[in-house]
C-alpha atoms as a PDB file:
ATOM      1  CA  UNK A   1     108.117  43.843 118.939  1.00  0.00           C
ATOM      2  CA  UNK A   2     107.408  46.897 116.685  1.00  0.00           C
ATOM      3  CA  UNK A   3     104.483  46.553 114.259  1.00  0.00           C
ATOM      4  CA  UNK A   4     105.650  47.429 110.758  1.00  0.00           C
ATOM      5  CA  UNK A   5     102.730  49.593 108.875  1.00  0.00           C
ATOM      6  CA  UNK A   6     101.906  48.176 105.401  1.00  0.00           C
ATOM      7  CA  UNK A   7     102.247  49.282 102.470  1.00  0.00           C
ATOM      8  CA  UNK A   8      98.883  50.210 102.032  1.00  0.00           C
ATOM      9  CA  UNK A   9      98.486  52.176 105.382  1.00  0.00           C
ATOM     10  CA  UNK A  10     101.590  54.262 104.982  1.00  0.00           C
ATOM     11  CA  UNK A  11      99.501  56.009 101.026  1.00  0.00           C
ATOM     12  CA  UNK A  12      96.630  57.583 102.456  1.00  0.00           C
ATOM     13  CA  UNK A  13      95.983  60.044  99.988  1.00  0.00           C
ATOM     14  CA  UNK A  14      96.158  63.696 100.580  1.00  0.00           C
ATOM     15  CA  UNK A  15      91.798  64.835 100.576  1.00  0.00           C
ATOM     16  CA  UNK A  16      91.711  68.880  99.917  1.00  0.00           C
ATOM     17  CA  UNK A  17      90.607  70.903 102.587  1.00  0.00           C
ATOM     18  CA  UNK A  18      87.164  71.941 101.469  1.00  0.00           C
ATOM     19  CA  UNK A  19      87.830  74.536 103.934  1.00  0.00           C
ATOM     20  CA  UNK A  20      90.554  76.070 101.369  1.00  0.00           C
ATOM     21  CA  UNK A  21      88.698  74.831  98.677  1.00  0.00           C
ATOM     22  CA  UNK A  22      85.275  77.255  99.336  1.00  0.00           C
ATOM     23  CA  UNK A  23      85.035  80.202  96.911  1.00  0.00           C
ATOM     24  CA  UNK A  24      85.644  83.714  98.814  1.00  0.00           C
ATOM     25  CA  UNK A  25      84.224  86.832  97.853  1.00  0.00           C
ATOM     26  CA  UNK A  26      87.434  89.295  98.127  1.00  0.00           C
ATOM     27  CA  UNK A  27      86.123  93.228  99.541  1.00  0.00           C
ATOM     28  CA  UNK A  28      86.480  96.021  96.883  1.00  0.00           C
ATOM     29  CA  UNK A  29      90.891  96.714  98.257  1.00  0.00           C
ATOM     30  CA  UNK A  30      91.189  93.523  98.267  1.00  0.00           C
ATOM     31  CA  UNK A  31      89.856  92.730  94.458  1.00  0.00           C
ATOM     32  CA  UNK A  32      92.172  95.774  93.374  1.00  0.00           C
ATOM     33  CA  UNK A  33      94.849  93.404  93.219  1.00  0.00           C
ATOM     34  CA  UNK A  34      93.567  89.175  93.030  1.00  0.00           C
ATOM     35  CA  UNK A  35      90.156  90.185  91.270  1.00  0.00           C
ATOM     36  CA  UNK A  36      86.711  90.212  91.939  1.00  0.00           C
ATOM     37  CA  UNK A  37      85.453  87.615  90.893  1.00  0.00           C
ATOM     38  CA  UNK A  38      85.215  84.701  93.991  1.00  0.00           C
ATOM     39  CA  UNK A  39      87.722  82.863  94.530  1.00  0.00           C
ATOM     40  CA  UNK A  40      89.547  79.718  97.301  1.00  0.00           C
ATOM     41  CA  UNK A  41      91.825  81.158  99.235  1.00  0.00           C
ATOM     42  CA  UNK A  42      94.745  79.124  98.169  1.00  0.00           C
ATOM     43  CA  UNK A  43      94.395  80.674  95.040  1.00  0.00           C
ATOM     44  CA  UNK A  44      93.862  83.763  96.483  1.00  0.00           C
ATOM     45  CA  UNK A  45      97.419  83.137  98.371  1.00  0.00           C
ATOM     46  CA  UNK A  46      99.145  82.439  95.127  1.00  0.00           C
ATOM     47  CA  UNK A  47      97.685  85.477  93.316  1.00  0.00           C
ATOM     48  CA  UNK A  48      99.115  87.712  95.952  1.00  0.00           C
ATOM     49  CA  UNK A  49     102.570  86.061  95.764  1.00  0.00           C
ATOM     50  CA  UNK A  50     102.435  87.022  91.632  1.00  0.00           C
ATOM     51  CA  UNK A  51     101.519  90.439  92.106  1.00  0.00           C
ATOM     52  CA  UNK A  52     104.324  90.239  94.923  1.00  0.00           C
ATOM     53  CA  UNK A  53     106.459  89.634  92.872  1.00  0.00           C
ATOM     54  CA  UNK A  54     106.028  91.019  89.558  1.00  0.00           C
ATOM     55  CA  UNK A  55     105.966  94.497  91.716  1.00  0.00           C
ATOM     56  CA  UNK A  56     109.445  93.455  93.595  1.00  0.00           C
ATOM     57  CA  UNK A  57     107.420  93.823  97.260  1.00  0.00           C
ATOM     58  CA  UNK A  58     109.591  91.445  99.253  1.00  0.00           C
ATOM     59  CA  UNK A  59     112.257  93.295 101.130  1.00  0.00           C
ATOM     60  CA  UNK A  60     115.614  92.472  99.701  1.00  0.00           C
ATOM     61  CA  UNK A  61     116.820  92.465 103.491  1.00  0.00           C
ATOM     62  CA  UNK A  62     114.407  90.139 105.292  1.00  0.00           C
ATOM     63  CA  UNK A  63     112.616  88.014 102.524  1.00  0.00           C
ATOM     64  CA  UNK A  64     110.414  87.433 105.297  1.00  0.00           C
ATOM     65  CA  UNK A  65     108.538  91.564 105.025  1.00  0.00           C
ATOM     66  CA  UNK A  66     106.439  92.648 102.308  1.00  0.00           C
ATOM     67  CA  UNK A  67     106.897  95.924 101.333  1.00  0.00           C
ATOM     68  CA  UNK A  68     103.168  97.632 100.776  1.00  0.00           C
ATOM     69  CA  UNK A  69     102.550  99.860  97.205  1.00  0.00           C
ATOM     70  CA  UNK A  70      99.258 101.859  96.819  1.00  0.00           C
ATOM     71  CA  UNK A  71      97.407  98.727  96.054  1.00  0.00           C
ATOM     72  CA  UNK A  72      98.395  96.663  98.794  1.00  0.00           C
ATOM     73  CA  UNK A  73      98.444  99.607 102.060  1.00  0.00           C
ATOM     74  CA  UNK A  74      94.802  98.962 102.327  1.00  0.00           C
ATOM     75  CA  UNK A  75      94.541  95.110 102.509  1.00  0.00           C
ATOM     76  CA  UNK A  76      97.850  95.510 105.289  1.00  0.00           C
ATOM     77  CA  UNK A  77      95.323  98.156 107.395  1.00  0.00           C
ATOM     78  CA  UNK A  78      97.758 100.958 106.384  1.00  0.00           C
ATOM     79  CA  UNK A  79     100.676  99.388 107.258  1.00  0.00           C
ATOM     80  CA  UNK A  80     104.229 100.255 105.187  1.00  0.00           C
ATOM     81  CA  UNK A  81     105.438  96.851 105.401  1.00  0.00           C
ATOM     82  CA  UNK A  82     104.185  93.084 107.022  1.00  0.00           C
ATOM     83  CA  UNK A  83     105.612  90.109 107.484  1.00  0.00           C
ATOM     84  CA  UNK A  84     104.452  87.127 105.204  1.00  0.00           C
ATOM     85  CA  UNK A  85     102.675  85.251 108.111  1.00  0.00           C
ATOM     86  CA  UNK A  86     100.771  88.507 109.293  1.00  0.00           C
ATOM     87  CA  UNK A  87     100.015  89.400 105.362  1.00  0.00           C
ATOM     88  CA  UNK A  88      97.931  85.976 105.732  1.00  0.00           C
ATOM     89  CA  UNK A  89      95.906  87.440 108.783  1.00  0.00           C
ATOM     90  CA  UNK A  90      95.577  90.533 107.590  1.00  0.00           C
ATOM     91  CA  UNK A  91      93.684  88.625 104.454  1.00  0.00           C
ATOM     92  CA  UNK A  92      91.340  86.887 106.146  1.00  0.00           C
ATOM     93  CA  UNK A  93      89.791  90.286 107.104  1.00  0.00           C
ATOM     94  CA  UNK A  94      89.065  91.195 103.336  1.00  0.00           C
ATOM     95  CA  UNK A  95      86.871  88.289 102.061  1.00  0.00           C
ATOM     96  CA  UNK A  96      83.464  86.984 102.894  1.00  0.00           C
END
């Protein structure tokens, strides 16, 4: 017989990962987009998406791609277009 999960074990509260909440210092290129104060990685991603949507930089044909403008090109290591998954990897190189 299979055991039933009790309500107590089914309702685990999710704890935020401390690594994501640690404030990181954006470098000069990234600071032009997200600000120069140390902020958590999650907030960096949020602010990038706010900027991308405000400037309409999401590719119209393939919405998973982001077109770089003059402010984002240094963050994207000079690339004109990156995927949203590649973007997070490239941004990681611009924080300390």
